[in-house]
PDB file of N, CA and C in Angstrom:
ATOM      1  N   MET A   1      19.592  59.879 -31.611  1.00  0.00           N
ATOM      2  CA  MET A   1      18.538  59.011 -32.090  1.00  0.00           C
ATOM      3  C   MET A   1      18.259  57.960 -31.018  1.00  0.00           C
ATOM      4  N   ALA A   2      16.998  57.712 -30.781  1.00  0.00           N
ATOM      5  CA  ALA A   2      16.599  56.688 -29.815  1.00  0.00           C
ATOM      6  C   ALA A   2      16.476  55.348 -30.531  1.00  0.00           C
ATOM      7  N   TYR A   3      16.969  54.315 -29.880  1.00  0.00           N
ATOM      8  CA  TYR A   3      16.911  52.968 -30.440  1.00  0.00           C
ATOM      9  C   TYR A   3      16.019  52.090 -29.574  1.00  0.00           C
ATOM     10  N   ASP A   4      15.409  51.107 -30.183  1.00  0.00           N
ATOM     11  CA  ASP A   4      14.564  50.139 -29.488  1.00  0.00           C
ATOM     12  C   ASP A   4      15.475  49.165 -28.736  1.00  0.00           C
ATOM     13  N   GLU A   5      15.463  49.246 -27.408  1.00  0.00           N
ATOM     14  CA  GLU A   5      16.347  48.417 -26.578  1.00  0.00           C
ATOM     15  C   GLU A   5      16.132  46.925 -26.817  1.00  0.00           C
ATOM     16  N   SER A   6      14.888  46.499 -27.012  1.00  0.00           N
ATOM     17  CA  SER A   6      14.644  45.066 -27.222  1.00  0.00           C
ATOM     18  C   SER A   6      15.215  44.601 -28.560  1.00  0.00           C
ATOM     19  N   GLU A   7      15.208  45.463 -29.571  1.00  0.00           N
ATOM     20  CA  GLU A   7      15.818  45.118 -30.862  1.00  0.00           C
ATOM     21  C   GLU A   7      17.334  45.001 -30.720  1.00  0.00           C
ATOM     22  N   ILE A   8      17.924  45.880 -29.936  1.00  0.00           N
ATOM     23  CA  ILE A   8      19.368  45.808 -29.689  1.00  0.00           C
ATOM     24  C   ILE A   8      19.698  44.514 -28.957  1.00  0.00           C
ATOM     25  N   GLU A   9      18.924  44.179 -27.927  1.00  0.00           N
ATOM     26  CA  GLU A   9      19.146  42.938 -27.185  1.00  0.00           C
ATOM     27  C   GLU A   9      19.041  41.730 -28.104  1.00  0.00           C
ATOM     28  N   ASP A  10      18.014  41.703 -28.954  1.00  0.00           N
ATOM     29  CA  ASP A  10      17.851  40.588 -29.891  1.00  0.00           C
ATOM     30  C   ASP A  10      19.042  40.477 -30.835  1.00  0.00           C
ATOM     31  N   THR A  11      19.517  41.607 -31.332  1.00  0.00           N
ATOM     32  CA  THR A  11      20.639  41.592 -32.272  1.00  0.00           C
ATOM     33  C   THR A  11      21.920  41.124 -31.596  1.00  0.00           C
ATOM     34  N   VAL A  12      22.190  41.602 -30.383  1.00  0.00           N
ATOM     35  CA  VAL A  12      23.381  41.159 -29.652  1.00  0.00           C
ATOM     36  C   VAL A  12      23.283  39.665 -29.355  1.00  0.00           C
ATOM     37  N   LEU A  13      22.117  39.202 -28.928  1.00  0.00           N
ATOM     38  CA  LEU A  13      21.933  37.774 -28.662  1.00  0.00           C
ATOM     39  C   LEU A  13      22.157  36.965 -29.934  1.00  0.00           C
ATOM     40  N   ALA A  14      21.657  37.449 -31.060  1.00  0.00           N
ATOM     41  CA  ALA A  14      21.854  36.758 -32.338  1.00  0.00           C
ATOM     42  C   ALA A  14      23.330  36.696 -32.701  1.00  0.00           C
ATOM     43  N   LEU A  15      24.057  37.778 -32.498  1.00  0.00           N
ATOM     44  CA  LEU A  15      25.491  37.783 -32.795  1.00  0.00           C
ATOM     45  C   LEU A  15      26.252  36.840 -31.867  1.00  0.00           C
ATOM     46  N   LEU A  16      25.907  36.838 -30.588  1.00  0.00           N
ATOM     47  CA  LEU A  16      26.551  35.909 -29.657  1.00  0.00           C
ATOM     48  C   LEU A  16      26.318  34.469 -30.097  1.00  0.00           C
ATOM     49  N   ALA A  17      25.084  34.154 -30.485  1.00  0.00           N
ATOM     50  CA  ALA A  17      24.765  32.787 -30.919  1.00  0.00           C
ATOM     51  C   ALA A  17      25.449  32.453 -32.235  1.00  0.00           C
ATOM     52  N   ALA A  18      25.468  33.391 -33.166  1.00  0.00           N
ATOM     53  CA  ALA A  18      26.060  33.136 -34.486  1.00  0.00           C
ATOM     54  C   ALA A  18      27.552  32.844 -34.386  1.00  0.00           C
ATOM     55  N   PHE A  19      28.224  33.464 -33.435  1.00  0.00           N
ATOM     56  CA  PHE A  19      29.665  33.275 -33.296  1.00  0.00           C
ATOM     57  C   PHE A  19      30.031  32.422 -32.088  1.00  0.00           C
ATOM     58  N   SER A  20      29.074  31.650 -31.576  1.00  0.00           N
ATOM     59  CA  SER A  20      29.341  30.821 -30.398  1.00  0.00           C
ATOM     60  C   SER A  20      30.174  29.598 -30.772  1.00  0.00           C
ATOM     61  N   PHE A  21      30.844  29.056 -29.776  1.00  0.00           N
ATOM     62  CA  PHE A  21      31.677  27.865 -29.941  1.00  0.00           C
ATOM     63  C   PHE A  21      31.590  27.057 -28.658  1.00  0.00           C
ATOM     64  N   ASP A  22      32.108  25.841 -28.680  1.00  0.00           N
ATOM     65  CA  ASP A  22      32.087  24.960 -27.503  1.00  0.00           C
ATOM     66  C   ASP A  22      30.688  24.798 -26.922  1.00  0.00           C
ATOM     67  N   GLY A  23      29.681  24.748 -27.763  1.00  0.00           N
ATOM     68  CA  GLY A  23      28.329  24.494 -27.298  1.00  0.00           C
ATOM     69  C   GLY A  23      27.649  25.641 -26.584  1.00  0.00           C
ATOM     70  N   GLY A  24      28.062  26.859 -26.844  1.00  0.00           N
ATOM     71  CA  GLY A  24      27.359  27.998 -26.260  1.00  0.00           C
ATOM     72  C   GLY A  24      28.239  29.074 -25.674  1.00  0.00           C
ATOM     73  N   ARG A  25      29.530  28.984 -25.827  1.00  0.00           N
ATOM     74  CA  ARG A  25      30.436  30.024 -25.342  1.00  0.00           C
ATOM     75  C   ARG A  25      30.616  31.046 -26.457  1.00  0.00           C
ATOM     76  N   ALA A  26      30.670  32.330 -26.088  1.00  0.00           N
ATOM     77  CA  ALA A  26      30.855  33.392 -27.078  1.00  0.00           C
ATOM     78  C   ALA A  26      31.740  34.478 -26.482  1.00  0.00           C
ATOM     79  N   TRP A  27      32.534  35.093 -27.330  1.00  0.00           N
ATOM     80  CA  TRP A  27      33.378  36.199 -26.881  1.00  0.00           C
ATOM     81  C   TRP A  27      32.492  37.389 -26.558  1.00  0.00           C
ATOM     82  N   LYS A  28      32.771  38.017 -25.432  1.00  0.00           N
ATOM     83  CA  LYS A  28      31.978  39.193 -25.095  1.00  0.00           C
ATOM     84  C   LYS A  28      32.728  40.439 -25.540  1.00  0.00           C
ATOM     85  N   GLY A  29      32.022  41.381 -26.001  1.00  0.00           N
ATOM     86  CA  GLY A  29      32.599  42.630 -26.463  1.00  0.00           C
ATOM     87  C   GLY A  29      31.490  43.623 -26.743  1.00  0.00           C
ATOM     88  N   PHE A  30      30.378  43.421 -26.072  1.00  0.00           N
ATOM     89  CA  PHE A  30      29.214  44.266 -26.283  1.00  0.00           C
ATOM     90  C   PHE A  30      28.977  45.126 -25.050  1.00  0.00           C
ATOM     91  N   ASP A  31      28.164  46.124 -25.203  1.00  0.00           N
ATOM     92  CA  ASP A  31      27.829  47.043 -24.127  1.00  0.00           C
ATOM     93  C   ASP A  31      27.407  46.274 -22.870  1.00  0.00           C
ATOM     94  N   PHE A  32      27.962  46.659 -21.731  1.00  0.00           N
ATOM     95  CA  PHE A  32      27.683  45.950 -20.482  1.00  0.00           C
ATOM     96  C   PHE A  32      26.210  46.027 -20.085  1.00  0.00           C
ATOM     97  N   ASP A  33      25.555  47.155 -20.349  1.00  0.00           N
ATOM     98  CA  ASP A  33      24.135  47.268 -20.006  1.00  0.00           C
ATOM     99  C   ASP A  33      23.306  46.250 -20.785  1.00  0.00           C
ATOM    100  N   VAL A  34      23.658  46.047 -22.055  1.00  0.00           N
ATOM    101  CA  VAL A  34      22.932  45.079 -22.879  1.00  0.00           C
ATOM    102  C   VAL A  34      23.172  43.668 -22.362  1.00  0.00           C
ATOM    103  N   THR A  35      24.430  43.315 -22.086  1.00  0.00           N
ATOM    104  CA  THR A  35      24.708  41.961 -21.599  1.00  0.00           C
ATOM    105  C   THR A  35      24.095  41.734 -20.216  1.00  0.00           C
ATOM    106  N   ASP A  36      24.041  42.775 -19.388  1.00  0.00           N
ATOM    107  CA  ASP A  36      23.374  42.636 -18.089  1.00  0.00           C
ATOM    108  C   ASP A  36      21.887  42.343 -18.267  1.00  0.00           C
ATOM    109  N   ARG A  37      21.253  43.000 -19.239  1.00  0.00           N
ATOM    110  CA  ARG A  37      19.831  42.737 -19.492  1.00  0.00           C
ATOM    111  C   ARG A  37      19.624  41.327 -20.039  1.00  0.00           C
ATOM    112  N   LEU A  38      20.532  40.860 -20.893  1.00  0.00           N
ATOM    113  CA  LEU A  38      20.431  39.484 -21.401  1.00  0.00           C
ATOM    114  C   LEU A  38      20.606  38.481 -20.265  1.00  0.00           C
ATOM    115  N   ASP A  39      21.480  38.806 -19.317  1.00  0.00           N
ATOM    116  CA  ASP A  39      21.662  37.958 -18.139  1.00  0.00           C
ATOM    117  C   ASP A  39      20.385  37.948 -17.294  1.00  0.00           C
ATOM    118  N   ALA A  40      19.764  39.097 -17.111  1.00  0.00           N
ATOM    119  CA  ALA A  40      18.533  39.186 -16.322  1.00  0.00           C
ATOM    120  C   ALA A  40      17.402  38.376 -16.950  1.00  0.00           C
ATOM    121  N   GLN A  41      17.451  38.206 -18.267  1.00  0.00           N
ATOM    122  CA  GLN A  41      16.432  37.418 -18.970  1.00  0.00           C
ATOM    123  C   GLN A  41      16.832  35.943 -19.076  1.00  0.00           C
ATOM    124  N   ASP A  42      17.949  35.570 -18.444  1.00  0.00           N
ATOM    125  CA  ASP A  42      18.468  34.195 -18.440  1.00  0.00           C
ATOM    126  C   ASP A  42      18.863  33.693 -19.823  1.00  0.00           C
ATOM    127  N   PHE A  43      19.370  34.596 -20.678  1.00  0.00           N
ATOM    128  CA  PHE A  43      19.871  34.192 -21.988  1.00  0.00           C
ATOM    129  C   PHE A  43      21.381  33.964 -21.973  1.00  0.00           C
ATOM    130  N   ILE A  44      22.090  34.623 -21.049  1.00  0.00           N
ATOM    131  CA  ILE A  44      23.526  34.399 -20.879  1.00  0.00           C
ATOM    132  C   ILE A  44      23.818  34.300 -19.390  1.00  0.00           C
ATOM    133  N   GLU A  45      25.020  33.798 -19.070  1.00  0.00           N
ATOM    134  CA  GLU A  45      25.407  33.625 -17.671  1.00  0.00           C
ATOM    135  C   GLU A  45      26.611  34.487 -17.329  1.00  0.00           C
ATOM    136  N   LYS A  46      26.536  35.174 -16.207  1.00  0.00           N
ATOM    137  CA  LYS A  46      27.645  35.897 -15.583  1.00  0.00           C
ATOM    138  C   LYS A  46      28.441  36.783 -16.546  1.00  0.00           C
ATOM    139  N   PRO A  47      27.818  37.787 -17.135  1.00  0.00           N
ATOM    140  CA  PRO A  47      28.571  38.641 -18.049  1.00  0.00           C
ATOM    141  C   PRO A  47      29.592  39.525 -17.341  1.00  0.00           C
ATOM    142  N   ALA A  48      29.446  39.725 -16.037  1.00  0.00           N
ATOM    143  CA  ALA A  48      30.344  40.618 -15.316  1.00  0.00           C
ATOM    144  C   ALA A  48      31.600  39.922 -14.794  1.00  0.00           C
ATOM    145  N   SER A  49      31.828  38.684 -15.150  1.00  0.00           N
ATOM    146  CA  SER A  49      33.022  37.974 -14.679  1.00  0.00           C
ATOM    147  C   SER A  49      34.272  38.503 -15.381  1.00  0.00           C
ATOM    148  N   LYS A  50      35.427  38.082 -14.905  1.00  0.00           N
ATOM    149  CA  LYS A  50      36.696  38.496 -15.515  1.00  0.00           C
ATOM    150  C   LYS A  50      36.997  37.738 -16.800  1.00  0.00           C
ATOM    151  N   ASN A  51      36.208  36.712 -17.090  1.00  0.00           N
ATOM    152  CA  ASN A  51      36.411  35.950 -18.324  1.00  0.00           C
ATOM    153  C   ASN A  51      36.166  36.829 -19.538  1.00  0.00           C
ATOM    154  N   LYS A  52      36.812  36.495 -20.628  1.00  0.00           N
ATOM    155  CA  LYS A  52      36.626  37.242 -21.868  1.00  0.00           C
ATOM    156  C   LYS A  52      35.516  36.655 -22.725  1.00  0.00           C
ATOM    157  N   SER A  53      34.832  35.667 -22.171  1.00  0.00           N
ATOM    158  CA  SER A  53      33.711  35.059 -22.886  1.00  0.00           C
ATOM    159  C   SER A  53      32.552  34.874 -21.915  1.00  0.00           C
ATOM    160  N   VAL A  54      31.370  34.679 -22.484  1.00  0.00           N
ATOM    161  CA  VAL A  54      30.174  34.386 -21.699  1.00  0.00           C
ATOM    162  C   VAL A  54      29.591  33.077 -22.209  1.00  0.00           C
ATOM    163  N   TRP A  55      28.785  32.451 -21.376  1.00  0.00           N
ATOM    164  CA  TRP A  55      28.064  31.247 -21.791  1.00  0.00           C
ATOM    165  C   TRP A  55      26.634  31.626 -22.089  1.00  0.00           C
ATOM    166  N   LEU A  56      26.141  31.180 -23.224  1.00  0.00           N
ATOM    167  CA  LEU A  56      24.726  31.318 -23.525  1.00  0.00           C
ATOM    168  C   LEU A  56      24.004  30.165 -22.849  1.00  0.00           C
ATOM    169  N   THR A  57      22.874  30.455 -22.233  1.00  0.00           N
ATOM    170  CA  THR A  57      22.060  29.390 -21.664  1.00  0.00           C
ATOM    171  C   THR A  57      21.423  28.621 -22.821  1.00  0.00           C
ATOM    172  N   PRO A  58      20.920  27.421 -22.573  1.00  0.00           N
ATOM    173  CA  PRO A  58      20.269  26.688 -23.667  1.00  0.00           C
ATOM    174  C   PRO A  58      19.158  27.497 -24.347  1.00  0.00           C
ATOM    175  N   GLN A  59      18.330  28.182 -23.537  1.00  0.00           N
ATOM    176  CA  GLN A  59      17.269  28.988 -24.138  1.00  0.00           C
ATOM    177  C   GLN A  59      17.835  30.213 -24.858  1.00  0.00           C
ATOM    178  N   GLY A  60      18.937  30.765 -24.366  1.00  0.00           N
ATOM    179  CA  GLY A  60      19.574  31.893 -25.041  1.00  0.00           C
ATOM    180  C   GLY A  60      20.176  31.485 -26.372  1.00  0.00           C
ATOM    181  N   LEU A  61      20.816  30.321 -26.392  1.00  0.00           N
ATOM    182  CA  LEU A  61      21.413  29.823 -27.630  1.00  0.00           C
ATOM    183  C   LEU A  61      20.327  29.525 -28.660  1.00  0.00           C
ATOM    184  N   GLU A  62      19.244  28.901 -28.231  1.00  0.00           N
ATOM    185  CA  GLU A  62      18.146  28.582 -29.155  1.00  0.00           C
ATOM    186  C   GLU A  62      17.511  29.859 -29.710  1.00  0.00           C
ATOM    187  N   ARG A  63      17.186  30.797 -28.825  1.00  0.00           N
ATOM    188  CA  ARG A  63      16.564  32.055 -29.277  1.00  0.00           C
ATOM    189  C   ARG A  63      17.529  32.841 -30.157  1.00  0.00           C
ATOM    190  N   GLY A  64      18.793  32.906 -29.760  1.00  0.00           N
ATOM    191  CA  GLY A  64      19.785  33.638 -30.541  1.00  0.00           C
ATOM    192  C   GLY A  64      19.960  33.068 -31.934  1.00  0.00           C
ATOM    193  N   ARG A  65      19.965  31.752 -32.041  1.00  0.00           N
ATOM    194  CA  ARG A  65      20.105  31.121 -33.360  1.00  0.00           C
ATOM    195  C   ARG A  65      18.899  31.405 -34.247  1.00  0.00           C
ATOM    196  N   LYS A  66      17.710  31.409 -33.660  1.00  0.00           N
ATOM    197  CA  LYS A  66      16.502  31.717 -34.439  1.00  0.00           C
ATOM    198  C   LYS A  66      16.541  33.155 -34.950  1.00  0.00           C
ATOM    199  N   ILE A  67      16.933  34.069 -34.082  1.00  0.00           N
ATOM    200  CA  ILE A  67      17.010  35.475 -34.490  1.00  0.00           C
ATOM    201  C   ILE A  67      18.105  35.656 -35.534  1.00  0.00           C
ATOM    202  N   ALA A  68      19.250  34.998 -35.334  1.00  0.00           N
ATOM    203  CA  ALA A  68      20.351  35.097 -36.304  1.00  0.00           C
ATOM    204  C   ALA A  68      19.913  34.593 -37.666  1.00  0.00           C
ATOM    205  N   GLU A  69      19.149  33.512 -37.683  1.00  0.00           N
ATOM    206  CA  GLU A  69      18.665  32.982 -38.958  1.00  0.00           C
ATOM    207  C   GLU A  69      17.762  33.999 -39.651  1.00  0.00           C
ATOM    208  N   GLN A  70      16.904  34.657 -38.881  1.00  0.00           N
ATOM    209  CA  GLN A  70      16.013  35.672 -39.453  1.00  0.00           C
ATOM    210  C   GLN A  70      16.794  36.880 -39.964  1.00  0.00           C
ATOM    211  N   LEU A  71      17.786  37.314 -39.197  1.00  0.00           N
ATOM    212  CA  LEU A  71      18.511  38.536 -39.538  1.00  0.00           C
ATOM    213  C   LEU A  71      19.608  38.344 -40.573  1.00  0.00           C
ATOM    214  N   PHE A  72      20.296  37.214 -40.512  1.00  0.00           N
ATOM    215  CA  PHE A  72      21.536  37.083 -41.264  1.00  0.00           C
ATOM    216  C   PHE A  72      21.525  36.011 -42.344  1.00  0.00           C
ATOM    217  N   SER A  73      20.458  35.237 -42.464  1.00  0.00           N
ATOM    218  CA  SER A  73      20.433  34.143 -43.430  1.00  0.00           C
ATOM    219  C   SER A  73      20.549  34.669 -44.854  1.00  0.00           C
ATOM    220  N   SER A  74      21.358  33.989 -45.650  1.00  0.00           N
ATOM    221  CA  SER A  74      21.510  34.385 -47.053  1.00  0.00           C
ATOM    222  C   SER A  74      20.705  33.480 -47.971  1.00  0.00           C
ATOM    223  N   GLY A  75      19.917  32.591 -47.383  1.00  0.00           N
ATOM    224  CA  GLY A  75      19.131  31.645 -48.168  1.00  0.00           C
ATOM    225  C   GLY A  75      17.891  32.284 -48.776  1.00  0.00           C
ATOM    226  N   PRO A  76      17.201  31.546 -49.646  1.00  0.00           N
ATOM    227  CA  PRO A  76      16.021  32.074 -50.329  1.00  0.00           C
ATOM    228  C   PRO A  76      14.844  32.352 -49.396  1.00  0.00           C
ATOM    229  N   ASP A  77      14.836  31.729 -48.199  1.00  0.00           N
ATOM    230  CA  ASP A  77      13.744  31.963 -47.257  1.00  0.00           C
ATOM    231  C   ASP A  77      13.825  33.335 -46.611  1.00  0.00           C
ATOM    232  N   ASN A  78      14.944  34.025 -46.761  1.00  0.00           N
ATOM    233  CA  ASN A  78      15.143  35.326 -46.139  1.00  0.00           C
ATOM    234  C   ASN A  78      14.952  36.429 -47.176  1.00  0.00           C
ATOM    235  N   ALA A  79      13.757  36.553 -47.680  1.00  0.00           N
ATOM    236  CA  ALA A  79      13.474  37.551 -48.711  1.00  0.00           C
ATOM    237  C   ALA A  79      13.426  38.961 -48.143  1.00  0.00           C
ATOM    238  N   GLY A  80      13.297  39.071 -46.771  1.00  0.00           N
ATOM    239  CA  GLY A  80      13.358  40.354 -46.094  1.00  0.00           C
ATOM    240  C   GLY A  80      12.269  41.243 -46.449  1.00  0.00           C
TER     241      GLY A  80
END
């Protein structure tokens, strides 16, 4: 089955933002091709480092939080 790459990128970014700590740090554990594309779009920094976490850029954290709210919110505004 073919998947929409931009939807996958948005979902991974949302998960990184939803589980971020220390003002934008998130554990990495996603496909390297996806994290490389997020890095190319300036949403995360240096995914290929030896660190077990990545930093979300300010714009990546903001966009990721917005997408996470749309995808994962349990509030009444998320009627889906």
